[in-house]
PDB file of all heavy atoms in Angstrom:
ATOM      1  N   SER A   1       0.772  -1.221  -0.020  1.00  0.00           N
ATOM      2  CA  SER A   1       0.000  -0.038  -0.018  1.00  0.00           C
ATOM      3  C   SER A   1       0.845   1.273   0.027  1.00  0.00           C
ATOM      4  O   SER A   1       0.360   2.316  -0.309  1.00  0.00           O
ATOM      5  CB  SER A   1      -0.912  -0.059   1.266  1.00  0.00           C
ATOM      6  OG  SER A   1      -0.142   0.264   2.447  1.00  0.00           O
ATOM      7  N   GLY A   2       2.066   1.117   0.360  1.00  0.00           N
ATOM      8  CA  GLY A   2       2.929   2.336   0.590  1.00  0.00           C
ATOM      9  C   GLY A   2       2.829   3.009   1.958  1.00  0.00           C
ATOM     10  O   GLY A   2       3.395   4.045   2.246  1.00  0.00           O
ATOM     11  N   ASP A   3       1.979   2.407   2.801  1.00  0.00           N
ATOM     12  CA  ASP A   3       1.707   3.007   4.152  1.00  0.00           C
ATOM     13  C   ASP A   3       1.888   1.767   5.113  1.00  0.00           C
ATOM     14  O   ASP A   3       1.089   0.813   5.062  1.00  0.00           O
ATOM     15  CB  ASP A   3       0.311   3.457   4.219  1.00  0.00           C
ATOM     16  CG  ASP A   3      -0.009   4.171   5.570  1.00  0.00           C
ATOM     17  OD1 ASP A   3       0.355   3.593   6.671  1.00  0.00           O
ATOM     18  OD2 ASP A   3      -0.603   5.275   5.534  1.00  0.00           O
ATOM     19  N   ALA A   4       2.783   1.856   5.995  1.00  0.00           N
ATOM     20  CA  ALA A   4       3.176   0.747   6.908  1.00  0.00           C
ATOM     21  C   ALA A   4       1.958   0.395   7.867  1.00  0.00           C
ATOM     22  O   ALA A   4       1.714  -0.747   8.139  1.00  0.00           O
ATOM     23  CB  ALA A   4       4.326   1.053   7.781  1.00  0.00           C
ATOM     24  N   TYR A   5       1.231   1.451   8.299  1.00  0.00           N
ATOM     25  CA  TYR A   5       0.019   1.173   9.026  1.00  0.00           C
ATOM     26  C   TYR A   5      -0.995   0.283   8.296  1.00  0.00           C
ATOM     27  O   TYR A   5      -1.566  -0.656   8.740  1.00  0.00           O
ATOM     28  CB  TYR A   5      -0.674   2.449   9.536  1.00  0.00           C
ATOM     29  CG  TYR A   5       0.092   3.322  10.535  1.00  0.00           C
ATOM     30  CD1 TYR A   5       0.276   4.706  10.343  1.00  0.00           C
ATOM     31  CD2 TYR A   5       0.653   2.702  11.624  1.00  0.00           C
ATOM     32  CE1 TYR A   5       0.964   5.450  11.255  1.00  0.00           C
ATOM     33  CE2 TYR A   5       1.339   3.520  12.524  1.00  0.00           C
ATOM     34  CZ  TYR A   5       1.557   4.888  12.308  1.00  0.00           C
ATOM     35  OH  TYR A   5       2.133   5.581  13.261  1.00  0.00           O
ATOM     36  N   ALA A   6      -1.250   0.717   7.046  1.00  0.00           N
ATOM     37  CA  ALA A   6      -2.226  -0.025   6.197  1.00  0.00           C
ATOM     38  C   ALA A   6      -1.758  -1.416   5.978  1.00  0.00           C
ATOM     39  O   ALA A   6      -2.524  -2.413   5.979  1.00  0.00           O
ATOM     40  CB  ALA A   6      -2.442   0.756   4.951  1.00  0.00           C
ATOM     41  N   ASP A   7      -0.436  -1.554   5.814  1.00  0.00           N
ATOM     42  CA  ASP A   7       0.112  -2.940   5.474  1.00  0.00           C
ATOM     43  C   ASP A   7      -0.071  -3.846   6.681  1.00  0.00           C
ATOM     44  O   ASP A   7      -0.527  -4.989   6.631  1.00  0.00           O
ATOM     45  CB  ASP A   7       1.588  -2.797   5.183  1.00  0.00           C
ATOM     46  CG  ASP A   7       1.860  -2.348   3.810  1.00  0.00           C
ATOM     47  OD1 ASP A   7       0.888  -2.204   3.027  1.00  0.00           O
ATOM     48  OD2 ASP A   7       2.998  -1.948   3.469  1.00  0.00           O
ATOM     49  N   GLU A   8       0.127  -3.348   7.858  1.00  0.00           N
ATOM     50  CA  GLU A   8      -0.055  -4.124   9.110  1.00  0.00           C
ATOM     51  C   GLU A   8      -1.462  -4.452   9.259  1.00  0.00           C
ATOM     52  O   GLU A   8      -1.831  -5.614   9.698  1.00  0.00           O
ATOM     53  CB  GLU A   8       0.448  -3.268  10.334  1.00  0.00           C
ATOM     54  CG  GLU A   8       2.007  -3.220  10.411  1.00  0.00           C
ATOM     55  CD  GLU A   8       2.665  -4.540  10.714  1.00  0.00           C
ATOM     56  OE1 GLU A   8       1.982  -5.490  11.314  1.00  0.00           O
ATOM     57  OE2 GLU A   8       3.691  -4.759  10.323  1.00  0.00           O
ATOM     58  N   LEU A   9      -2.400  -3.539   9.086  1.00  0.00           N
ATOM     59  CA  LEU A   9      -3.786  -3.727   9.255  1.00  0.00           C
ATOM     60  C   LEU A   9      -4.403  -4.730   8.266  1.00  0.00           C
ATOM     61  O   LEU A   9      -5.420  -5.330   8.466  1.00  0.00           O
ATOM     62  CB  LEU A   9      -4.583  -2.422   9.234  1.00  0.00           C
ATOM     63  CG  LEU A   9      -4.330  -1.450  10.416  1.00  0.00           C
ATOM     64  CD1 LEU A   9      -4.915  -0.121  10.161  1.00  0.00           C
ATOM     65  CD2 LEU A   9      -4.842  -2.048  11.727  1.00  0.00           C
ATOM     66  N   ALA A  10      -3.769  -4.818   7.067  1.00  0.00           N
ATOM     67  CA  ALA A  10      -4.198  -5.853   6.127  1.00  0.00           C
ATOM     68  C   ALA A  10      -4.006  -7.229   6.605  1.00  0.00           C
ATOM     69  O   ALA A  10      -4.568  -8.187   5.987  1.00  0.00           O
ATOM     70  CB  ALA A  10      -3.489  -5.691   4.796  1.00  0.00           C
ATOM     71  N   GLY A  11      -3.231  -7.497   7.535  1.00  0.00           N
ATOM     72  CA  GLY A  11      -3.050  -8.804   8.108  1.00  0.00           C
ATOM     73  C   GLY A  11      -3.981  -9.274   9.093  1.00  0.00           C
ATOM     74  O   GLY A  11      -4.890  -8.519   9.445  1.00  0.00           O
ATOM     75  N   ASN A  12      -3.836 -10.441   9.558  1.00  0.00           N
ATOM     76  CA  ASN A  12      -4.651 -11.007  10.683  1.00  0.00           C
ATOM     77  C   ASN A  12      -3.671 -11.346  11.831  1.00  0.00           C
ATOM     78  O   ASN A  12      -2.613 -11.858  11.637  1.00  0.00           O
ATOM     79  CB  ASN A  12      -5.294 -12.265  10.220  1.00  0.00           C
ATOM     80  CG  ASN A  12      -6.183 -12.990  11.303  1.00  0.00           C
ATOM     81  OD1 ASN A  12      -5.571 -13.636  12.239  1.00  0.00           O
ATOM     82  ND2 ASN A  12      -7.443 -12.825  11.274  1.00  0.00           N
ATOM     83  N   GLY A  13      -4.073 -10.845  12.972  1.00  0.00           N
ATOM     84  CA  GLY A  13      -3.133 -11.022  14.176  1.00  0.00           C
ATOM     85  C   GLY A  13      -2.685 -12.446  14.418  1.00  0.00           C
ATOM     86  O   GLY A  13      -1.499 -12.675  14.665  1.00  0.00           O
ATOM     87  N   LEU A  14      -3.594 -13.403  14.343  1.00  0.00           N
ATOM     88  CA  LEU A  14      -3.300 -14.781  14.575  1.00  0.00           C
ATOM     89  C   LEU A  14      -2.322 -15.366  13.535  1.00  0.00           C
ATOM     90  O   LEU A  14      -1.370 -16.058  13.790  1.00  0.00           O
ATOM     91  CB  LEU A  14      -4.475 -15.625  14.716  1.00  0.00           C
ATOM     92  CG  LEU A  14      -5.489 -15.273  15.907  1.00  0.00           C
ATOM     93  CD1 LEU A  14      -6.672 -16.107  15.898  1.00  0.00           C
ATOM     94  CD2 LEU A  14      -4.709 -15.351  17.196  1.00  0.00           C
ATOM     95  N   PHE A  15      -2.627 -14.932  12.320  1.00  0.00           N
ATOM     96  CA  PHE A  15      -1.792 -15.374  11.147  1.00  0.00           C
ATOM     97  C   PHE A  15      -0.422 -14.805  11.304  1.00  0.00           C
ATOM     98  O   PHE A  15       0.627 -15.567  11.092  1.00  0.00           O
ATOM     99  CB  PHE A  15      -2.418 -14.873   9.827  1.00  0.00           C
ATOM    100  CG  PHE A  15      -1.739 -15.400   8.593  1.00  0.00           C
ATOM    101  CD1 PHE A  15      -2.218 -16.494   7.977  1.00  0.00           C
ATOM    102  CD2 PHE A  15      -0.603 -14.801   8.079  1.00  0.00           C
ATOM    103  CE1 PHE A  15      -1.627 -17.067   6.782  1.00  0.00           C
ATOM    104  CE2 PHE A  15       0.009 -15.280   6.984  1.00  0.00           C
ATOM    105  CZ  PHE A  15      -0.475 -16.381   6.329  1.00  0.00           C
ATOM    106  N   SER A  16      -0.331 -13.538  11.669  1.00  0.00           N
ATOM    107  CA  SER A  16       1.046 -12.938  11.843  1.00  0.00           C
ATOM    108  C   SER A  16       1.778 -13.571  13.064  1.00  0.00           C
ATOM    109  O   SER A  16       3.006 -13.796  12.954  1.00  0.00           O
ATOM    110  CB  SER A  16       0.853 -11.402  12.121  1.00  0.00           C
ATOM    111  OG  SER A  16       0.294 -10.747  11.015  1.00  0.00           O
ATOM    112  N   LEU A  17       1.028 -13.897  14.103  1.00  0.00           N
ATOM    113  CA  LEU A  17       1.646 -14.574  15.169  1.00  0.00           C
ATOM    114  C   LEU A  17       2.284 -15.917  14.797  1.00  0.00           C
ATOM    115  O   LEU A  17       3.445 -16.264  15.121  1.00  0.00           O
ATOM    116  CB  LEU A  17       0.667 -14.816  16.289  1.00  0.00           C
ATOM    117  CG  LEU A  17       1.274 -15.413  17.665  1.00  0.00           C
ATOM    118  CD1 LEU A  17       2.228 -14.475  18.292  1.00  0.00           C
ATOM    119  CD2 LEU A  17       0.012 -15.751  18.530  1.00  0.00           C
ATOM    120  N   ALA A  18       1.491 -16.709  13.986  1.00  0.00           N
ATOM    121  CA  ALA A  18       2.049 -18.071  13.575  1.00  0.00           C
ATOM    122  C   ALA A  18       3.207 -17.858  12.602  1.00  0.00           C
ATOM    123  O   ALA A  18       4.131 -18.548  12.679  1.00  0.00           O
ATOM    124  CB  ALA A  18       0.903 -18.732  12.792  1.00  0.00           C
ATOM    125  N   ALA A  19       3.131 -16.837  11.744  1.00  0.00           N
ATOM    126  CA  ALA A  19       4.303 -16.568  10.900  1.00  0.00           C
ATOM    127  C   ALA A  19       5.554 -16.245  11.666  1.00  0.00           C
ATOM    128  O   ALA A  19       6.628 -16.592  11.335  1.00  0.00           O
ATOM    129  CB  ALA A  19       3.972 -15.485   9.851  1.00  0.00           C
ATOM    130  N   ALA A  20       5.361 -15.344  12.685  1.00  0.00           N
ATOM    131  CA  ALA A  20       6.467 -14.968  13.480  1.00  0.00           C
ATOM    132  C   ALA A  20       7.091 -16.181  14.230  1.00  0.00           C
ATOM    133  O   ALA A  20       8.367 -16.261  14.366  1.00  0.00           O
ATOM    134  CB  ALA A  20       6.028 -13.877  14.534  1.00  0.00           C
ATOM    135  N   MET A  21       6.295 -17.142  14.635  1.00  0.00           N
ATOM    136  CA  MET A  21       6.832 -18.304  15.249  1.00  0.00           C
ATOM    137  C   MET A  21       7.697 -19.071  14.374  1.00  0.00           C
ATOM    138  O   MET A  21       8.674 -19.631  14.715  1.00  0.00           O
ATOM    139  CB  MET A  21       5.657 -19.179  15.771  1.00  0.00           C
ATOM    140  CG  MET A  21       4.934 -18.577  17.026  1.00  0.00           C
ATOM    141  SD  MET A  21       3.495 -19.682  17.493  1.00  0.00           S
ATOM    142  CE  MET A  21       3.021 -18.859  18.987  1.00  0.00           C
ATOM    143  N   ARG A  22       7.267 -19.129  13.079  1.00  0.00           N
ATOM    144  CA  ARG A  22       8.044 -19.874  12.117  1.00  0.00           C
ATOM    145  C   ARG A  22       9.291 -19.115  11.748  1.00  0.00           C
ATOM    146  O   ARG A  22      10.326 -19.782  11.352  1.00  0.00           O
ATOM    147  CB  ARG A  22       7.275 -20.076  10.852  1.00  0.00           C
ATOM    148  CG  ARG A  22       6.102 -20.985  10.958  1.00  0.00           C
ATOM    149  CD  ARG A  22       5.509 -21.434   9.665  1.00  0.00           C
ATOM    150  NE  ARG A  22       5.260 -20.350   8.751  1.00  0.00           N
ATOM    151  CZ  ARG A  22       4.089 -19.751   8.611  1.00  0.00           C
ATOM    152  NH1 ARG A  22       3.157 -20.114   9.458  1.00  0.00           N
ATOM    153  NH2 ARG A  22       3.955 -18.717   7.783  1.00  0.00           N
ATOM    154  N   ARG A  23       9.286 -17.776  11.820  1.00  0.00           N
ATOM    155  CA  ARG A  23      10.438 -17.058  11.300  1.00  0.00           C
ATOM    156  C   ARG A  23      11.214 -16.255  12.405  1.00  0.00           C
ATOM    157  O   ARG A  23      11.905 -15.277  12.110  1.00  0.00           O
ATOM    158  CB  ARG A  23       9.956 -15.933  10.325  1.00  0.00           C
ATOM    159  CG  ARG A  23       9.339 -16.561   9.076  1.00  0.00           C
ATOM    160  CD  ARG A  23       8.974 -15.464   8.053  1.00  0.00           C
ATOM    161  NE  ARG A  23       8.450 -16.101   6.845  1.00  0.00           N
ATOM    162  CZ  ARG A  23       8.151 -15.291   5.749  1.00  0.00           C
ATOM    163  NH1 ARG A  23       8.434 -13.958   5.729  1.00  0.00           N
ATOM    164  NH2 ARG A  23       7.680 -15.858   4.673  1.00  0.00           N
ATOM    165  N   ASN A  24      11.201 -16.756  13.587  1.00  0.00           N
ATOM    166  CA  ASN A  24      11.872 -16.060  14.683  1.00  0.00           C
ATOM    167  C   ASN A  24      13.387 -15.999  14.441  1.00  0.00           C
ATOM    168  O   ASN A  24      13.997 -15.063  14.998  1.00  0.00           O
ATOM    169  CB  ASN A  24      11.523 -16.687  15.959  1.00  0.00           C
ATOM    170  CG  ASN A  24      11.157 -15.656  17.002  1.00  0.00           C
ATOM    171  OD1 ASN A  24      10.986 -14.444  16.667  1.00  0.00           O
ATOM    172  ND2 ASN A  24      10.906 -16.127  18.212  1.00  0.00           N
ATOM    173  N   GLU A  25      13.907 -16.930  13.690  1.00  0.00           N
ATOM    174  CA  GLU A  25      15.291 -16.836  13.168  1.00  0.00           C
ATOM    175  C   GLU A  25      15.262 -16.964  11.693  1.00  0.00           C
ATOM    176  O   GLU A  25      14.783 -18.056  11.234  1.00  0.00           O
ATOM    177  CB  GLU A  25      16.083 -17.896  13.821  1.00  0.00           C
ATOM    178  CG  GLU A  25      16.268 -17.720  15.308  1.00  0.00           C
ATOM    179  CD  GLU A  25      17.423 -18.590  15.965  1.00  0.00           C
ATOM    180  OE1 GLU A  25      18.185 -19.203  15.229  1.00  0.00           O
ATOM    181  OE2 GLU A  25      17.458 -18.717  17.149  1.00  0.00           O
ATOM    182  N   LEU A  26      15.822 -16.031  11.045  1.00  0.00           N
ATOM    183  CA  LEU A  26      15.821 -16.037   9.595  1.00  0.00           C
ATOM    184  C   LEU A  26      17.270 -16.231   9.111  1.00  0.00           C
ATOM    185  O   LEU A  26      18.119 -15.503   9.455  1.00  0.00           O
ATOM    186  CB  LEU A  26      15.373 -14.667   8.983  1.00  0.00           C
ATOM    187  CG  LEU A  26      13.769 -14.465   9.165  1.00  0.00           C
ATOM    188  CD1 LEU A  26      13.448 -13.012   8.825  1.00  0.00           C
ATOM    189  CD2 LEU A  26      12.942 -15.407   8.351  1.00  0.00           C
ATOM    190  N   ASP A  27      17.503 -17.243   8.349  1.00  0.00           N
ATOM    191  CA  ASP A  27      18.835 -17.550   7.741  1.00  0.00           C
ATOM    192  C   ASP A  27      19.084 -16.480   6.645  1.00  0.00           C
ATOM    193  O   ASP A  27      18.447 -16.467   5.634  1.00  0.00           O
ATOM    194  CB  ASP A  27      18.930 -18.894   7.250  1.00  0.00           C
ATOM    195  CG  ASP A  27      20.294 -19.249   6.701  1.00  0.00           C
ATOM    196  OD1 ASP A  27      21.227 -19.498   7.500  1.00  0.00           O
ATOM    197  OD2 ASP A  27      20.476 -19.163   5.499  1.00  0.00           O
ATOM    198  N   TYR A  28      20.117 -15.665   6.858  1.00  0.00           N
ATOM    199  CA  TYR A  28      20.352 -14.598   5.910  1.00  0.00           C
ATOM    200  C   TYR A  28      20.628 -15.168   4.507  1.00  0.00           C
ATOM    201  O   TYR A  28      19.992 -14.672   3.515  1.00  0.00           O
ATOM    202  CB  TYR A  28      21.544 -13.724   6.343  1.00  0.00           C
ATOM    203  CG  TYR A  28      21.737 -12.575   5.397  1.00  0.00           C
ATOM    204  CD1 TYR A  28      21.177 -11.328   5.637  1.00  0.00           C
ATOM    205  CD2 TYR A  28      22.477 -12.719   4.175  1.00  0.00           C
ATOM    206  CE1 TYR A  28      21.246 -10.246   4.764  1.00  0.00           C
ATOM    207  CE2 TYR A  28      22.508 -11.619   3.275  1.00  0.00           C
ATOM    208  CZ  TYR A  28      22.047 -10.454   3.590  1.00  0.00           C
ATOM    209  OH  TYR A  28      22.072  -9.412   2.682  1.00  0.00           O
ATOM    210  N   ALA A  29      21.416 -16.139   4.368  1.00  0.00           N
ATOM    211  CA  ALA A  29      21.856 -16.596   3.002  1.00  0.00           C
ATOM    212  C   ALA A  29      20.648 -17.134   2.193  1.00  0.00           C
ATOM    213  O   ALA A  29      20.528 -17.179   1.053  1.00  0.00           O
ATOM    214  CB  ALA A  29      22.892 -17.659   3.174  1.00  0.00           C
ATOM    215  N   ARG A  30      19.698 -17.706   3.017  1.00  0.00           N
ATOM    216  CA  ARG A  30      18.477 -18.245   2.336  1.00  0.00           C
ATOM    217  C   ARG A  30      17.448 -17.191   1.963  1.00  0.00           C
ATOM    218  O   ARG A  30      16.780 -17.353   0.905  1.00  0.00           O
ATOM    219  CB  ARG A  30      17.773 -19.301   3.278  1.00  0.00           C
ATOM    220  CG  ARG A  30      16.536 -19.944   2.729  1.00  0.00           C
ATOM    221  CD  ARG A  30      15.887 -20.743   3.767  1.00  0.00           C
ATOM    222  NE  ARG A  30      14.584 -21.329   3.291  1.00  0.00           N
ATOM    223  CZ  ARG A  30      13.743 -21.981   4.014  1.00  0.00           C
ATOM    224  NH1 ARG A  30      13.951 -22.241   5.312  1.00  0.00           N
ATOM    225  NH2 ARG A  30      12.544 -22.381   3.503  1.00  0.00           N
ATOM    226  N   TRP A  31      17.282 -16.176   2.757  1.00  0.00           N
ATOM    227  CA  TRP A  31      16.169 -15.255   2.570  1.00  0.00           C
ATOM    228  C   TRP A  31      16.624 -13.874   2.037  1.00  0.00           C
ATOM    229  O   TRP A  31      15.680 -13.204   1.495  1.00  0.00           O
ATOM    230  CB  TRP A  31      15.501 -14.958   3.945  1.00  0.00           C
ATOM    231  CG  TRP A  31      14.754 -16.183   4.480  1.00  0.00           C
ATOM    232  CD1 TRP A  31      15.185 -17.138   5.483  1.00  0.00           C
ATOM    233  CD2 TRP A  31      13.414 -16.608   4.179  1.00  0.00           C
ATOM    234  NE1 TRP A  31      14.233 -18.022   5.653  1.00  0.00           N
ATOM    235  CE2 TRP A  31      13.143 -17.742   4.857  1.00  0.00           C
ATOM    236  CE3 TRP A  31      12.449 -16.025   3.321  1.00  0.00           C
ATOM    237  CZ2 TRP A  31      11.888 -18.345   4.790  1.00  0.00           C
ATOM    238  CZ3 TRP A  31      11.243 -16.623   3.230  1.00  0.00           C
ATOM    239  CH2 TRP A  31      11.005 -17.776   3.992  1.00  0.00           C
ATOM    240  N   TYR A  32      17.763 -13.521   1.976  1.00  0.00           N
ATOM    241  CA  TYR A  32      18.233 -12.118   1.601  1.00  0.00           C
ATOM    242  C   TYR A  32      19.072 -12.155   0.431  1.00  0.00           C
ATOM    243  O   TYR A  32      19.741 -13.101   0.105  1.00  0.00           O
ATOM    244  CB  TYR A  32      18.789 -11.484   2.847  1.00  0.00           C
ATOM    245  CG  TYR A  32      17.825 -11.186   3.905  1.00  0.00           C
ATOM    246  CD1 TYR A  32      17.676 -12.133   4.870  1.00  0.00           C
ATOM    247  CD2 TYR A  32      17.196  -9.932   4.095  1.00  0.00           C
ATOM    248  CE1 TYR A  32      16.723 -11.973   5.926  1.00  0.00           C
ATOM    249  CE2 TYR A  32      16.296  -9.756   5.136  1.00  0.00           C
ATOM    250  CZ  TYR A  32      16.099 -10.711   6.107  1.00  0.00           C
ATOM    251  OH  TYR A  32      15.168 -10.484   7.144  1.00  0.00           O
ATOM    252  N   ALA A  33      19.162 -10.890  -0.180  1.00  0.00           N
ATOM    253  CA  ALA A  33      20.092 -10.730  -1.286  1.00  0.00           C
ATOM    254  C   ALA A  33      21.554 -10.962  -0.740  1.00  0.00           C
ATOM    255  O   ALA A  33      21.905 -10.538   0.315  1.00  0.00           O
ATOM    256  CB  ALA A  33      19.927  -9.329  -1.830  1.00  0.00           C
ATOM    257  N   THR A  34      22.380 -11.562  -1.573  1.00  0.00           N
ATOM    258  CA  THR A  34      23.738 -11.905  -1.219  1.00  0.00           C
ATOM    259  C   THR A  34      24.796 -11.486  -2.246  1.00  0.00           C
ATOM    260  O   THR A  34      24.453 -11.149  -3.404  1.00  0.00           O
ATOM    261  CB  THR A  34      23.836 -13.422  -0.981  1.00  0.00           C
ATOM    262  OG1 THR A  34      23.605 -14.120  -2.180  1.00  0.00           O
ATOM    263  CG2 THR A  34      22.925 -13.938   0.117  1.00  0.00           C
ATOM    264  N   LEU A  35      25.998 -11.533  -1.825  1.00  0.00           N
ATOM    265  CA  LEU A  35      27.181 -11.250  -2.725  1.00  0.00           C
ATOM    266  C   LEU A  35      28.215 -12.468  -2.439  1.00  0.00           C
ATOM    267  O   LEU A  35      28.131 -13.071  -1.375  1.00  0.00           O
ATOM    268  CB  LEU A  35      27.946  -9.962  -2.340  1.00  0.00           C
ATOM    269  CG  LEU A  35      27.270  -8.662  -2.692  1.00  0.00           C
ATOM    270  CD1 LEU A  35      28.117  -7.584  -2.051  1.00  0.00           C
ATOM    271  CD2 LEU A  35      27.134  -8.380  -4.131  1.00  0.00           C
TER     272      LEU A  35
END
């Protein structure tokens, strides 16, 4: 949306909680741009 508030509100709290449980540790090499 270009608005962080709107992006957050588009989610569902329980869905976001479950996603955070899965991603509490993110492997940089797997998830991010690398060199």
